[in-house]
Amino acid sequence: MNQQFLGKATEDVKLWLPSPLKIILQGLAEGKDEPLSDYLRSVLVRHLFGEQFYAKWQDALASINQQAVEHESPIYVKG
């Protein structure tokens, strides 16, 4: 991820959620095929920093993920 956005996590955060809320959030995370912690991170970023920041963060993540895929893909030479 681009460091200008959030930087490296330096502290653990534990959220204590009522069971019904955790079940709902887990279902939403599974619907996005994400671990609950990643889903909650996205929700917190969106609400704390706003939609514009969230959109730029998602674009940066997509770009970095694409670069990683390109870097890790084997190069095939037709011969």
Protein backbone atom coordinates (compact mmCIF):
# COMPACT_ATOMS: atom_id res chain seq x y z
CA MET A 1 0.00 0.00 0.00
CA ASN A 2 1.15 3.52 -0.68
CA GLN A 3 2.67 4.91 2.54
CA GLN A 4 1.09 8.34 2.01
CA PHE A 5 -2.28 6.80 2.79
CA LEU A 6 -2.14 4.98 6.10
CA GLY A 7 1.37 3.80 6.72
CA LYS A 8 2.32 0.66 8.56
CA ALA A 9 0.19 -0.60 11.43
CA THR A 10 2.10 -0.08 14.65
CA GLU A 11 -0.51 -0.99 17.25
CA ASP A 12 -3.02 -3.79 17.64
CA VAL A 13 -6.61 -2.73 18.15
CA LYS A 14 -9.23 -4.97 19.66
CA LEU A 15 -12.90 -4.24 19.17
CA TRP A 16 -15.43 -5.70 21.56
CA LEU A 17 -18.66 -6.15 19.63
CA PRO A 18 -22.04 -7.45 20.70
CA SER A 19 -22.53 -10.93 19.23
CA PRO A 20 -25.44 -9.93 16.93
CA LEU A 21 -23.38 -7.08 15.46
CA LYS A 22 -20.33 -9.31 14.96
CA ILE A 23 -22.48 -11.90 13.15
CA ILE A 24 -23.84 -9.22 10.80
CA LEU A 25 -20.37 -7.80 10.14
CA GLN A 26 -18.96 -11.29 9.55
CA GLY A 27 -21.70 -11.91 6.98
CA LEU A 28 -20.89 -8.64 5.22
CA ALA A 29 -17.17 -9.51 5.21
CA GLU A 30 -17.87 -12.95 3.79
CA GLY A 31 -20.05 -11.34 1.12
CA LYS A 32 -16.97 -9.39 0.01
CA ASP A 33 -14.77 -12.50 0.39
CA GLU A 34 -12.62 -10.72 2.99
CA PRO A 35 -11.48 -11.58 6.49
CA LEU A 36 -13.44 -9.70 9.14
CA SER A 37 -10.38 -7.65 10.16
CA ASP A 38 -9.83 -6.38 6.60
CA TYR A 39 -13.50 -5.56 6.22
CA LEU A 40 -13.53 -3.62 9.49
CA ARG A 41 -10.39 -1.73 8.47
CA SER A 42 -12.14 -0.64 5.27
CA VAL A 43 -15.28 0.42 7.16
CA LEU A 44 -13.25 2.45 9.66
CA VAL A 45 -11.21 4.15 6.93
CA ARG A 46 -14.36 5.04 4.99
CA HIS A 47 -16.09 6.52 8.05
CA LEU A 48 -13.12 8.23 9.67
CA PHE A 49 -11.48 9.69 6.56
CA GLY A 50 -14.36 9.94 4.10
CA GLU A 51 -15.31 8.56 0.71
CA GLN A 52 -12.72 10.49 -1.31
CA PHE A 53 -9.83 9.20 0.80
CA TYR A 54 -11.30 5.68 0.72
CA ALA A 55 -11.55 5.73 -3.09
CA LYS A 56 -7.92 6.88 -3.44
CA TRP A 57 -6.82 4.21 -0.95
CA GLN A 58 -8.64 1.49 -2.92
CA ASP A 59 -7.07 2.73 -6.18
CA ALA A 60 -3.61 2.63 -4.60
CA LEU A 61 -4.21 -0.90 -3.30
CA ALA A 62 -5.42 -2.07 -6.73
CA SER A 63 -2.36 -0.56 -8.41
CA ILE A 64 0.05 -2.16 -5.94
CA ASN A 65 -1.70 -5.53 -6.22
CA GLN A 66 -1.48 -5.34 -10.03
CA GLN A 67 2.22 -4.51 -9.81
CA ALA A 68 2.76 -7.50 -7.52
CA VAL A 69 0.93 -9.81 -9.94
CA GLU A 70 3.02 -8.54 -12.85
CA HIS A 71 6.23 -8.88 -10.83
CA GLU A 72 5.45 -12.44 -9.72
CA SER A 73 4.13 -13.72 -13.06
CA PRO A 74 6.54 -15.87 -15.03
CA ILE A 75 7.66 -14.43 -18.33
CA TYR A 76 6.89 -16.66 -21.28
CA VAL A 77 8.95 -16.26 -24.43
CA LYS A 78 7.45 -17.57 -27.66
CA GLY A 79 10.05 -19.35 -29.68
